[in-house]
C-alpha cells in the first residue's frame, strides 16, 4: 500500500495529495453550512458522507486539476460541534486550510504518517491508518463527553476526519491542533513516553537541523524543568486527568511532545512567522490555555509575544514550554499485547513502551512529575527569616511568663550564698536541711512504732 501511495502521489505531482486534501475539505465544510445547527445525536458519530469529485467538475462539485477522487467525510456534524466548541468559525477554518499551500513536515516517529501544517500555524493534517481512523470514530462519543466537561486539556483536539480515494488507494487524514508553533524557535524538542527501552534518538534524527530527542536524551541533557508551585500543580493536574481518560479507553503508547524555547537565546534565530494569528483564533489552543487553573502569564518577550508558552526555568535560563499529548489512537489490542509479551521475554517488561494502559499511565505520570517537571520550592532564606521571627516572638512571650520565676530563683540563690558565707561547710545548706528533715522523720517513725 505504501508503494502504491508513493507511485500515485509522489512521482506524478508532489502537490497532488495536498491539493486534493484542500479541495476536499473546502467542499465538505462549504456543503455543511447549508445544514441547520442542532444538538449532536448519538447516530451522528457513525455517519459517513461520500461524494465523487471528477476533474472536469459536476453539478455539485467544482472542476480541478487533480486526478479524479472520491471524498469521505466522517461524522461531519460531530466535528462541526468540536470546531464550534473551540471557537473556530467555518470561514477561518477554510481560510487556514485552503488559502495557502500546505507545508510538509518531517516525521521523527516510527510510524509512516505524513504531516502537513497550515501556513498560519493553527492546524496539523496527519495521515492515519485504517485501524486508527476506525478507532477514532469509535472514540468520538466519549471524546465528545470529555470535551464538554473539560475543554482545557492537553489531549489532541480533533477538528475533522476525511478519506480520499483515488485509483483504489485510500488515504485517511485527520485535522488536529498544532502543538509547536513555527513562529517560536524550539531549541529542544522531545518525544517522551516515560519508558527507557530504546528511547534514544537515532543518528539520522540527531543529524537533522531540528532533531526530536527522546527519554534517555532528556535525562542526559536536562536535569528537569522547574515551574512555580501554581503552574506545576496545574500542569500535573491536567496530565493526571488526561491520562485517566486515556486509561478508561484502554489507550497506551501515547507520547508527550515537548518543545523548549530558551528566552536567553532569542537572538540565535526565530522560526518563520508566516501569517500566524495564534492565540486569538482558537480557544484553549495554546499550552498555557490548555492546563487547568489560573496560571500567571509569562514575562513578555521583547518585540514579540510568548505564543502561549508556559514559563519555566532550567538552572539560570528562562524558558517557554510548549507541549501536548500525541499519538492517542493506539489501543491495547491483541497485537499490542503480543508485542509487549515478546519484548518482555527479551528485555525488562517494565521498561518497554508497549504496556497495559493502567501501568503505562502510572509510569508516564511518574516520569513527568519527577524527572521532567519539577516544582520550584521557596527560598531557604525567606523561610529561615520567618522561623527566626517566630522564634523571637516565642522567646519574648516566654520571657514575660518566666520572669517572675527567675526573680524568685535569684533571691533564693542570693540567700544560699549568704548562708554559705556564715557557715563555710563542704555540704550545702540545702542538703544539710534535707538530711535533718529525714533524720527527724525517722525518729518520729521509731516512736510511733514503740507506742504500738
Foldseek 3Di string as FASTA:
>chain_A
DVVVVCVQAPPPDVCQVLVVVLQQVVLLLVVCVVDDDDDDDPVLLADKDKDKAQQPGDPRGHHHDHHTKMKIWGSQNLLVVLCVLFQADSVNVSCQRHVDGWAWDDDQDPDPKTWTATLQQWKIKIWDDPLLLVLVSVCSVVVSVCCVVAVQALAWRWRTWMWMGDPRDITIITMTTHQDGLQADFPAKEWEQLFDVPQFRDPVQVPDPHHYTYDVVCVVPAQAKEDAPVVLVQQLVRLLVVLVSLLVVQWFLKTKIKTKGWLVCPVVDGGDNGNHPAPPRTQSRWPQSRTDDDDDDDDARPPDGLSRFDWIDGVHIIIGMTIGIDDRSHHCDPVLVVVLVVVVVVDPSLRDRRDGSVSSSVSRSVCCSRGHYDYDDDDPVVVVVVVVVVVVVVVVVVCVVCVVVVVVVVVVVVVQVVVCVVPVDPDGPVVVVVVVVVVVVVVVVVVVVVVD
